[in-house]
Amino acid sequence: MYAAVDRKTNKHLHIRLFSTATIALTELVLRELTEKHDIEDAVFLVDGTQHLQTVLRRHGLRFRYEKQGNRNAIERVFRGIKRRTSSFSNCSINIRSTTVESCLQAFAVWQNATN
């Protein structure tokens, strides 16, 4: 799951689901994110995932690797997504990934509306 969250508001900015994580998919997600939002001045809080750091560096975007601190607030948002969707994922083994992704995107819209 690729997701961008505004750490100040906890609003979901973009969410995508793929069965793997690669530089090409990270490029795709970043391109979609830049089409929807102005991220020129953003500072991305990232984990140790090298493909994400590589793509951000390639595009001249600022990022900060954090294990604790501000990134923990974002991790709480992701844990919330996982917690609320775990029962769905347990019964969606034979569902197409596009359907699951659509459900995640709908969940993000609902979450933003109730935040």
Protein backbone atom coordinates (compact mmCIF):
# COMPACT_ATOMS: atom_id res chain seq x y z
CA MET A 1 0.00 0.00 0.00
CA TYR A 2 1.26 3.42 -0.97
CA ALA A 3 -0.37 6.29 0.88
CA ALA A 4 0.30 9.97 1.38
CA VAL A 5 -1.08 11.57 4.53
CA ASP A 6 -0.90 15.18 5.65
CA ARG A 7 0.68 14.84 9.10
CA LYS A 8 -0.93 18.06 10.36
CA THR A 9 -4.50 17.09 9.53
CA ASN A 10 -4.23 13.28 9.14
CA LYS A 11 -6.07 13.66 5.83
CA HIS A 12 -5.41 11.02 3.22
CA LEU A 13 -3.99 12.72 0.14
CA HIS A 14 -3.51 9.66 -2.04
CA ILE A 15 -3.73 5.90 -1.65
CA ARG A 16 -2.86 3.04 -4.01
CA LEU A 17 -2.52 -0.69 -3.59
CA PHE A 18 -0.11 -2.95 -5.46
CA SER A 19 1.04 -6.50 -4.84
CA THR A 20 4.67 -5.35 -4.84
CA ALA A 21 6.74 -2.22 -4.29
CA THR A 22 9.16 -1.11 -6.99
CA ILE A 23 10.82 2.06 -8.22
CA ALA A 24 8.48 2.11 -11.25
CA LEU A 25 5.37 1.88 -9.07
CA THR A 26 6.74 4.49 -6.70
CA GLU A 27 7.28 6.79 -9.70
CA LEU A 28 3.67 6.19 -10.77
CA VAL A 29 2.27 6.97 -7.32
CA LEU A 30 4.40 10.11 -7.04
CA ARG A 31 3.24 11.29 -10.46
CA GLU A 32 -0.41 10.75 -9.45
CA LEU A 33 0.19 12.56 -6.17
CA THR A 34 1.74 15.57 -7.93
CA GLU A 35 -1.24 15.74 -10.30
CA LYS A 36 -3.59 16.07 -7.32
CA HIS A 37 -1.51 18.15 -4.88
CA ASP A 38 1.24 20.74 -4.80
CA ILE A 39 4.09 18.86 -3.12
CA GLU A 40 6.95 21.16 -4.12
CA ASP A 41 7.48 22.37 -0.53
CA ALA A 42 6.53 19.10 1.16
CA VAL A 43 8.88 17.16 3.38
CA PHE A 44 8.17 13.45 3.14
CA LEU A 45 8.64 11.43 6.31
CA VAL A 46 9.82 8.02 5.19
CA ASP A 47 10.88 4.70 6.60
CA GLY A 48 13.96 2.80 5.48
CA THR A 49 12.45 1.78 2.13
CA GLN A 50 15.19 2.48 -0.40
CA HIS A 51 13.00 2.65 -3.52
CA LEU A 52 10.94 5.45 -1.97
CA GLN A 53 14.03 7.41 -1.00
CA THR A 54 15.55 6.85 -4.45
CA VAL A 55 12.49 8.22 -6.25
CA LEU A 56 12.15 11.24 -3.97
CA ARG A 57 15.84 12.03 -4.38
CA ARG A 58 15.56 11.60 -8.17
CA HIS A 59 12.78 14.20 -8.29
CA GLY A 60 14.59 16.62 -6.00
CA LEU A 61 11.94 16.32 -3.29
CA ARG A 62 12.82 16.70 0.34
CA PHE A 63 12.41 13.77 2.68
CA ARG A 64 13.45 12.84 6.16
CA TYR A 65 14.06 9.34 7.41
CA GLU A 66 12.50 8.97 10.83
CA LYS A 67 12.08 5.98 13.06
CA GLN A 68 10.30 7.90 15.78
CA GLY A 69 8.89 11.37 16.34
CA ASN A 70 6.68 12.86 13.62
CA ARG A 71 6.62 9.66 11.57
CA ASN A 72 4.94 7.88 14.47
CA ALA A 73 1.87 10.06 13.96
CA ILE A 74 1.67 8.88 10.36
CA GLU A 75 2.25 5.28 11.44
CA ARG A 76 -0.81 5.62 13.71
CA VAL A 77 -2.86 6.60 10.66
CA PHE A 78 -1.59 3.53 8.79
CA ARG A 79 -2.28 1.28 11.77
CA GLY A 80 -5.81 2.69 11.82
CA ILE A 81 -6.26 1.80 8.15
CA LYS A 82 -4.93 -1.70 8.74
CA ARG A 83 -7.04 -2.20 11.86
CA ARG A 84 -10.25 -1.04 10.20
CA THR A 85 -9.68 -3.02 7.02
CA SER A 86 -8.27 -6.24 8.48
CA SER A 87 -11.61 -8.04 8.62
CA PHE A 88 -12.23 -7.02 5.02
CA SER A 89 -8.84 -8.35 3.93
CA ASN A 90 -9.46 -11.66 5.68
CA CYS A 91 -12.46 -12.34 3.47
CA SER A 92 -11.20 -10.75 0.24
CA ILE A 93 -8.69 -13.38 -0.86
CA ASN A 94 -10.42 -14.05 -4.19
CA ILE A 95 -11.38 -10.46 -4.93
CA ARG A 96 -9.54 -8.59 -7.69
CA SER A 97 -6.90 -6.15 -6.45
CA THR A 98 -8.63 -3.27 -8.26
CA THR A 99 -11.74 -3.89 -6.17
CA VAL A 100 -9.70 -3.90 -2.97
CA GLU A 101 -7.94 -0.70 -4.02
CA SER A 102 -11.29 0.97 -4.76
CA CYS A 103 -12.49 0.00 -1.30
CA LEU A 104 -9.33 1.48 0.27
CA GLN A 105 -9.82 4.70 -1.67
CA ALA A 106 -13.45 4.87 -0.55
CA PHE A 107 -12.30 4.28 3.02
CA ALA A 108 -9.83 7.18 2.71
CA VAL A 109 -12.61 9.49 1.49
CA TRP A 110 -14.85 8.42 4.38
CA GLN A 111 -11.99 8.85 6.87
CA ASN A 112 -11.26 12.36 5.58
CA ALA A 113 -14.93 13.29 5.86
CA THR A 114 -15.18 12.11 9.44
CA ASN A 115 -11.87 13.64 10.59
